């Protein structure tokens, strides 16, 4: 009986860890990382934890030093 109660208590915790919000965050983070690498940069944390990757990370582009035409 105790095992069943413990298992029932842990199910909501597992659902939170792998729920749609967590997956969506990592998908957006991967997209930002790829976009940043294509521009010659590296994705770096900003030090905030807002739950939004575009706020939590910044694309640092080092070197280059000039304007380019597209």
N, C-alpha and C. Protein backbone atom coordinates (compact mmCIF):
# COMPACT_ATOMS: atom_id res chain seq x y z
N UNK A 1 0.82 -1.18 0.00
CA UNK A 1 0.00 0.00 0.00
C UNK A 1 0.87 1.26 0.00
N UNK A 2 1.94 1.27 0.77
CA UNK A 2 2.82 2.42 0.81
C UNK A 2 3.46 2.69 -0.54
N UNK A 3 3.84 1.62 -1.22
CA UNK A 3 4.48 1.78 -2.53
C UNK A 3 3.51 2.43 -3.51
N UNK A 4 2.26 2.00 -3.48
CA UNK A 4 1.26 2.57 -4.38
C UNK A 4 1.06 4.06 -4.09
N UNK A 5 1.01 4.44 -2.83
CA UNK A 5 0.85 5.84 -2.48
C UNK A 5 2.05 6.66 -2.90
N UNK A 6 3.24 6.11 -2.71
CA UNK A 6 4.45 6.81 -3.11
C UNK A 6 4.49 6.99 -4.62
N UNK A 7 4.12 5.95 -5.36
CA UNK A 7 4.11 6.03 -6.82
C UNK A 7 3.10 7.09 -7.29
N UNK A 8 1.95 7.15 -6.65
CA UNK A 8 0.94 8.13 -7.03
C UNK A 8 1.42 9.56 -6.74
N UNK A 9 2.21 9.70 -5.71
CA UNK A 9 2.72 11.02 -5.35
C UNK A 9 3.80 11.48 -6.33
N UNK A 10 4.57 10.56 -6.88
CA UNK A 10 5.66 10.91 -7.78
C UNK A 10 5.22 11.14 -9.21
N UNK A 11 4.08 10.64 -9.61
CA UNK A 11 3.62 10.79 -10.99
C UNK A 11 3.50 12.26 -11.40
N UNK A 12 2.90 13.14 -10.61
CA UNK A 12 2.84 14.54 -11.03
C UNK A 12 4.22 15.19 -11.16
N UNK A 13 5.17 14.79 -10.34
CA UNK A 13 6.51 15.35 -10.43
C UNK A 13 7.17 14.96 -11.74
N UNK A 14 7.00 13.71 -12.14
CA UNK A 14 7.58 13.25 -13.40
C UNK A 14 6.92 13.95 -14.58
N UNK A 15 5.64 14.18 -14.49
CA UNK A 15 4.94 14.86 -15.57
C UNK A 15 5.44 16.29 -15.73
N UNK A 16 5.76 16.95 -14.66
CA UNK A 16 6.27 18.32 -14.73
C UNK A 16 7.64 18.36 -15.39
N UNK A 17 8.46 17.40 -15.09
CA UNK A 17 9.82 17.40 -15.61
C UNK A 17 9.87 17.14 -17.11
N UNK A 18 8.92 16.39 -17.64
CA UNK A 18 8.97 16.06 -19.05
C UNK A 18 7.77 16.62 -19.81
N UNK A 19 7.10 17.57 -19.23
CA UNK A 19 5.89 18.12 -19.85
C UNK A 19 6.19 18.98 -21.06
N UNK A 20 5.16 19.49 -21.69
CA UNK A 20 5.33 20.25 -22.92
C UNK A 20 6.14 21.53 -22.74
N UNK A 21 6.10 22.14 -21.57
CA UNK A 21 6.85 23.37 -21.36
C UNK A 21 8.35 23.10 -21.41
N UNK A 22 8.81 22.04 -20.76
CA UNK A 22 10.23 21.70 -20.77
C UNK A 22 10.72 21.35 -22.15
N UNK A 23 9.93 20.58 -22.89
CA UNK A 23 10.30 20.22 -24.25
C UNK A 23 10.34 21.45 -25.14
N UNK A 24 9.36 22.32 -25.00
CA UNK A 24 9.29 23.53 -25.81
C UNK A 24 10.49 24.44 -25.52
N UNK A 25 10.88 24.53 -24.27
CA UNK A 25 12.04 25.34 -23.89
C UNK A 25 13.30 24.83 -24.58
N UNK A 26 13.52 23.52 -24.53
CA UNK A 26 14.73 22.94 -25.12
C UNK A 26 14.70 23.02 -26.65
N UNK A 27 13.52 22.89 -27.24
CA UNK A 27 13.42 23.04 -28.69
C UNK A 27 13.78 24.47 -29.10
N UNK A 28 13.27 25.45 -28.39
CA UNK A 28 13.57 26.85 -28.69
C UNK A 28 15.05 27.14 -28.44
N UNK A 29 15.61 26.59 -27.37
CA UNK A 29 17.03 26.77 -27.07
C UNK A 29 17.89 26.19 -28.19
N UNK A 30 17.55 25.00 -28.67
CA UNK A 30 18.29 24.39 -29.77
C UNK A 30 18.20 25.24 -31.04
N UNK A 31 17.01 25.80 -31.32
CA UNK A 31 16.84 26.64 -32.49
C UNK A 31 17.69 27.91 -32.37
N UNK A 32 17.70 28.52 -31.19
CA UNK A 32 18.52 29.71 -30.96
C UNK A 32 20.00 29.40 -31.10
N UNK A 33 20.42 28.26 -30.56
CA UNK A 33 21.83 27.86 -30.64
C UNK A 33 22.25 27.68 -32.09
N UNK A 34 21.41 27.00 -32.88
CA UNK A 34 21.73 26.77 -34.28
C UNK A 34 21.80 28.08 -35.05
N UNK A 35 20.83 28.96 -34.83
CA UNK A 35 20.81 30.26 -35.50
C UNK A 35 22.05 31.08 -35.14
N UNK A 36 22.43 31.05 -33.89
CA UNK A 36 23.61 31.79 -33.44
C UNK A 36 24.88 31.24 -34.09
N UNK A 37 25.01 29.91 -34.15
CA UNK A 37 26.19 29.31 -34.76
C UNK A 37 26.27 29.63 -36.25
N UNK A 38 25.13 29.69 -36.92
CA UNK A 38 25.12 30.03 -38.33
C UNK A 38 25.60 31.46 -38.57
N UNK A 39 25.41 32.32 -37.59
CA UNK A 39 25.88 33.71 -37.68
C UNK A 39 27.30 33.87 -37.18
N UNK A 40 27.93 32.77 -36.78
CA UNK A 40 29.31 32.81 -36.32
C UNK A 40 29.47 33.15 -34.85
N UNK A 41 28.42 32.96 -34.08
CA UNK A 41 28.47 33.29 -32.66
C UNK A 41 28.38 32.08 -31.77
N UNK A 42 28.34 32.37 -30.48
CA UNK A 42 28.20 31.32 -29.47
C UNK A 42 27.12 31.78 -28.48
N UNK A 43 26.24 30.87 -28.13
CA UNK A 43 25.15 31.18 -27.21
C UNK A 43 25.67 31.18 -25.78
N UNK A 44 25.44 32.27 -25.07
CA UNK A 44 25.93 32.41 -23.69
C UNK A 44 24.78 32.76 -22.76
N UNK A 45 24.81 32.24 -21.53
CA UNK A 45 23.75 32.59 -20.57
C UNK A 45 23.86 34.04 -20.13
N UNK A 46 22.70 34.64 -19.86
CA UNK A 46 22.67 36.03 -19.40
C UNK A 46 22.69 36.12 -17.88
N UNK A 47 22.43 35.00 -17.22
CA UNK A 47 22.39 35.00 -15.76
C UNK A 47 20.97 35.06 -15.22
N UNK A 48 19.99 35.23 -16.11
CA UNK A 48 18.59 35.23 -15.67
C UNK A 48 17.97 33.87 -15.93
N UNK A 49 16.89 33.60 -15.24
CA UNK A 49 16.14 32.35 -15.44
C UNK A 49 14.67 32.71 -15.55
N UNK A 50 14.28 33.15 -16.74
CA UNK A 50 12.92 33.60 -16.95
C UNK A 50 12.01 32.50 -17.48
N UNK A 51 12.60 31.41 -17.95
CA UNK A 51 11.81 30.36 -18.57
C UNK A 51 11.65 30.59 -20.06
N UNK A 52 12.29 31.64 -20.59
CA UNK A 52 12.26 31.95 -22.02
C UNK A 52 13.70 31.96 -22.52
N UNK A 53 14.06 31.03 -23.40
CA UNK A 53 15.44 30.95 -23.87
C UNK A 53 15.95 32.23 -24.51
N UNK A 54 15.09 32.96 -25.22
CA UNK A 54 15.55 34.19 -25.88
C UNK A 54 15.87 35.29 -24.87
N UNK A 55 15.42 35.15 -23.63
CA UNK A 55 15.76 36.09 -22.57
C UNK A 55 16.92 35.56 -21.72
N UNK A 56 16.99 34.25 -21.57
CA UNK A 56 18.00 33.62 -20.73
C UNK A 56 19.37 33.51 -21.39
N UNK A 57 19.42 33.62 -22.72
CA UNK A 57 20.68 33.47 -23.47
C UNK A 57 20.84 34.60 -24.48
N UNK A 58 22.09 34.90 -24.80
CA UNK A 58 22.41 35.92 -25.79
C UNK A 58 23.43 35.32 -26.76
N UNK A 59 23.33 35.73 -28.02
CA UNK A 59 24.28 35.26 -29.04
C UNK A 59 25.45 36.23 -29.06
N UNK A 60 26.62 35.75 -28.67
CA UNK A 60 27.83 36.57 -28.69
C UNK A 60 28.58 36.30 -29.98
N UNK A 61 28.77 37.34 -30.76
CA UNK A 61 29.53 37.24 -32.00
C UNK A 61 30.81 38.02 -31.79
N UNK A 62 31.91 37.30 -31.75
CA UNK A 62 33.21 37.92 -31.49
C UNK A 62 33.99 38.01 -32.80
N UNK A 63 34.86 38.97 -32.87
CA UNK A 63 35.66 39.14 -34.07
C UNK A 63 34.84 39.84 -35.15
N UNK A 64 35.18 39.62 -36.38
CA UNK A 64 34.44 40.25 -37.47
C UNK A 64 34.80 41.71 -37.57
N UNK A 65 34.31 42.51 -36.68
CA UNK A 65 34.70 43.90 -36.58
C UNK A 65 34.13 44.86 -37.61
N UNK A 66 33.35 44.40 -38.52
CA UNK A 66 32.83 45.34 -39.51
C UNK A 66 31.43 44.99 -39.93
N UNK A 67 30.84 45.91 -40.66
CA UNK A 67 29.50 45.69 -41.19
C UNK A 67 29.58 44.84 -42.45
N UNK A 68 28.59 44.03 -42.66
CA UNK A 68 28.55 43.22 -43.86
C UNK A 68 27.27 43.52 -44.62
N UNK A 69 27.32 43.29 -45.90
CA UNK A 69 26.13 43.44 -46.72
C UNK A 69 25.53 42.08 -46.96
N UNK A 70 24.22 42.02 -46.90
CA UNK A 70 23.54 40.75 -47.20
C UNK A 70 22.98 40.79 -48.60
